[in-house]
Amino acid sequence: MGKFRGMKSIKFIIEKTKTGYSAYCAEKPIFTTGLNIYKLQTNALEATNLYLEEFGKKYLWIKLDLNSIFNNFLNIIK
């Protein structure tokens, strides 16, 4: 974990929409959409990296909490 020490989390709120999914960060002006959860992940990474470029940051790592995603969206997907 050495090189990741001190990293901060950016949490997204994910919602099911008529056309796929949307995600936004409550703490920062970052938001995106995607036709499926995989495209949403890619778009969220791109949107976050664009935001971080404004502050001179170079790297962003995504850690998906799949248990949370599946537990929260099983009823929505049905």
Protein backbone atom coordinates (compact mmCIF):
# COMPACT_ATOMS: atom_id res chain seq x y z
CA MET A 1 0.00 0.00 0.00
CA GLY A 2 3.06 2.28 0.17
CA LYS A 3 2.55 4.34 -2.97
CA PHE A 4 -1.20 4.73 -2.29
CA ARG A 5 -0.75 6.13 1.20
CA GLY A 6 -2.56 9.41 1.67
CA MET A 7 -4.92 8.88 -1.28
CA LYS A 8 -8.35 10.37 -0.91
CA SER A 9 -11.59 8.79 -2.03
CA ILE A 10 -13.98 10.33 -4.48
CA LYS A 11 -17.37 8.72 -4.01
CA PHE A 12 -20.05 8.70 -6.68
CA ILE A 13 -23.77 8.34 -6.29
CA ILE A 14 -25.06 6.04 -9.03
CA GLU A 15 -28.63 6.12 -10.28
CA LYS A 16 -30.50 4.04 -12.82
CA THR A 17 -32.04 6.17 -15.58
CA LYS A 18 -34.32 5.49 -18.56
CA THR A 19 -31.29 5.38 -20.86
CA GLY A 20 -28.76 3.63 -18.60
CA TYR A 21 -27.00 5.03 -15.55
CA SER A 22 -25.85 8.35 -14.18
CA ALA A 23 -23.21 9.10 -11.55
CA TYR A 24 -22.30 12.25 -9.69
CA CYS A 25 -20.02 13.26 -6.87
CA ALA A 26 -21.77 15.13 -4.06
CA GLU A 27 -18.57 16.87 -2.93
CA LYS A 28 -17.15 17.93 -6.30
CA PRO A 29 -18.59 19.10 -9.65
CA ILE A 30 -18.06 15.72 -11.34
CA PHE A 31 -20.87 13.91 -13.13
CA THR A 32 -21.37 11.56 -16.07
CA THR A 33 -23.66 8.99 -17.68
CA GLY A 34 -23.29 5.59 -19.31
CA LEU A 35 -25.43 3.07 -21.15
CA ASN A 36 -24.26 0.32 -18.79
CA ILE A 37 -22.29 0.09 -15.55
CA TYR A 38 -19.02 -0.62 -17.38
CA LYS A 39 -19.36 2.44 -19.63
CA LEU A 40 -20.35 4.48 -16.58
CA GLN A 41 -17.12 3.42 -14.85
CA THR A 42 -15.04 4.44 -17.88
CA ASN A 43 -16.86 7.78 -18.16
CA ALA A 44 -16.54 8.45 -14.41
CA LEU A 45 -12.79 7.85 -14.60
CA GLU A 46 -12.48 10.21 -17.57
CA ALA A 47 -14.63 12.92 -15.95
CA THR A 48 -12.68 12.68 -12.69
CA ASN A 49 -9.32 12.83 -14.45
CA LEU A 50 -10.46 15.94 -16.34
CA TYR A 51 -11.48 17.52 -13.05
CA LEU A 52 -8.18 16.56 -11.38
CA GLU A 53 -6.15 18.00 -14.26
CA GLU A 54 -7.33 21.43 -13.14
CA PHE A 55 -5.47 20.86 -9.87
CA GLY A 56 -2.29 19.33 -11.30
CA LYS A 57 -3.01 15.77 -10.22
CA LYS A 58 -1.68 13.01 -12.45
CA TYR A 59 -3.10 9.69 -11.35
CA LEU A 60 -6.45 8.27 -10.42
CA TRP A 61 -7.15 4.70 -9.43
CA ILE A 62 -10.67 3.30 -9.33
CA LYS A 63 -11.74 0.75 -6.80
CA LEU A 64 -15.22 -0.56 -7.44
CA ASP A 65 -17.21 -1.76 -4.49
CA LEU A 66 -19.17 -4.34 -6.47
CA ASN A 67 -21.00 -5.67 -3.43
CA SER A 68 -22.51 -2.23 -2.84
CA ILE A 69 -23.40 -1.83 -6.49
CA PHE A 70 -25.15 -5.18 -6.72
CA ASN A 71 -26.88 -4.86 -3.34
CA ASN A 72 -28.21 -1.40 -4.16
CA PHE A 73 -29.26 -2.05 -7.75
CA LEU A 74 -30.70 -5.56 -7.76
CA ASN A 75 -34.19 -4.17 -7.25
CA ILE A 76 -33.74 -1.39 -9.80
CA ILE A 77 -32.54 -3.67 -12.57
CA LYS A 78 -35.50 -6.05 -12.25
